[in-house]
Protein backbone atom coordinates (compact mmCIF):
# COMPACT_ATOMS: atom_id res chain seq x y z
CA UNK A 1 75.30 172.45 200.71
CA UNK A 2 72.37 170.46 202.03
CA UNK A 3 70.00 172.67 204.01
CA UNK A 4 68.51 169.80 206.01
CA UNK A 5 71.57 169.94 208.29
CA UNK A 6 71.12 173.64 209.07
CA UNK A 7 68.79 174.20 212.04
CA UNK A 8 65.67 176.21 211.24
CA UNK A 9 66.35 178.72 214.02
CA UNK A 10 70.12 178.97 213.59
CA UNK A 11 70.17 182.71 214.38
CA UNK A 12 68.48 182.11 217.73
CA UNK A 13 70.87 179.29 218.56
CA UNK A 14 73.84 181.49 217.63
CA UNK A 15 72.47 184.33 219.78
CA UNK A 16 72.10 182.00 222.77
CA UNK A 17 75.70 180.83 222.36
CA UNK A 18 76.86 184.46 222.12
CA UNK A 19 74.83 185.35 225.23
CA UNK A 20 76.47 182.50 227.18
CA UNK A 21 79.90 183.61 225.91
CA UNK A 22 79.18 187.23 226.88
CA UNK A 23 78.02 186.17 230.33
CA UNK A 24 81.03 183.89 230.92
CA UNK A 25 83.65 186.45 229.85
CA UNK A 26 81.80 189.62 230.93
CA UNK A 27 81.73 191.06 227.40
CA UNK A 28 79.31 193.96 227.60
CA UNK A 29 79.70 194.89 223.94
CA UNK A 30 77.87 191.69 222.97
CA UNK A 31 74.92 192.79 225.12
CA UNK A 32 75.24 196.14 223.37
CA UNK A 33 74.97 194.42 220.00
CA UNK A 34 71.84 192.62 221.19
CA UNK A 35 70.24 195.88 222.36
CA UNK A 36 71.07 197.65 219.10
CA UNK A 37 69.71 194.69 217.15
CA UNK A 38 66.48 194.73 219.17
CA UNK A 39 66.06 198.45 218.57
CA UNK A 40 66.61 198.14 214.82
CA UNK A 41 64.45 195.02 214.58
CA UNK A 42 61.63 196.76 216.49
CA UNK A 43 61.78 199.68 214.06
CA UNK A 44 61.59 197.26 211.14
CA UNK A 45 58.67 195.35 212.67
CA UNK A 46 56.82 198.53 213.75
CA UNK A 47 56.22 196.96 217.14
CA UNK A 48 58.21 196.49 220.31
CA UNK A 49 57.92 193.91 223.03
CA UNK A 50 59.28 194.97 226.37
CA UNK A 51 56.89 193.70 229.03
CA UNK A 52 54.00 193.60 226.61
CA UNK A 53 53.53 194.17 222.89
CA UNK A 54 53.49 197.85 221.92
CA UNK A 55 52.78 198.87 218.34
CA UNK A 56 53.81 202.09 216.63
CA UNK A 57 50.27 202.57 215.33
CA UNK A 58 48.47 202.17 218.69
CA UNK A 59 51.00 203.70 221.13
CA UNK A 60 53.52 205.77 219.14
CA UNK A 61 55.04 207.68 222.08
CA UNK A 62 55.59 204.57 224.20
CA UNK A 63 56.86 202.71 221.13
CA UNK A 64 59.53 205.35 220.40
CA UNK A 65 60.52 205.51 224.09
CA UNK A 66 61.14 201.75 224.05
CA UNK A 67 63.16 202.06 220.82
CA UNK A 68 65.22 204.90 222.32
CA UNK A 69 65.88 202.87 225.47
CA UNK A 70 67.11 199.87 223.43
CA UNK A 71 69.42 202.04 221.34
CA UNK A 72 70.79 204.05 224.29
CA UNK A 73 71.36 200.87 226.30
CA UNK A 74 73.19 199.34 223.35
CA UNK A 75 75.50 202.33 223.00
CA UNK A 76 75.99 202.48 226.77
CA UNK A 77 77.10 198.84 226.88
CA UNK A 78 79.67 199.60 224.19
CA UNK A 79 80.86 202.58 226.26
CA UNK A 80 81.17 200.48 229.42
CA UNK A 81 83.16 197.66 227.86
CA UNK A 82 86.92 198.07 228.26
CA UNK A 83 87.48 195.44 225.55
CA UNK A 84 86.36 197.89 222.85
CA UNK A 85 88.63 200.67 224.16
CA UNK A 86 91.62 198.31 224.39
CA UNK A 87 90.99 197.06 220.86
CA UNK A 88 90.83 200.61 219.49
CA UNK A 89 93.95 201.72 221.35
CA UNK A 90 95.98 198.84 219.89
CA UNK A 91 95.13 199.84 216.33
């Protein structure tokens, strides 16, 4: 496969398409996936960006509060979405 046809920022493009899809069809679990991803990615990067950049080294308490908010919001969006419950009940 020739990589010159794959956009450099394909993950960002895919995320934007998913965000539009989630907005159009009111799929909260996709927003939940985004929030969980942001929380995990912030842990990996050792910094969070909410309104401004917050690093684990400089502001550890605020950093972990932001991480907790991302993770709780992600789980809450999963809880709010009826699509997930309907999918589980069918199985």
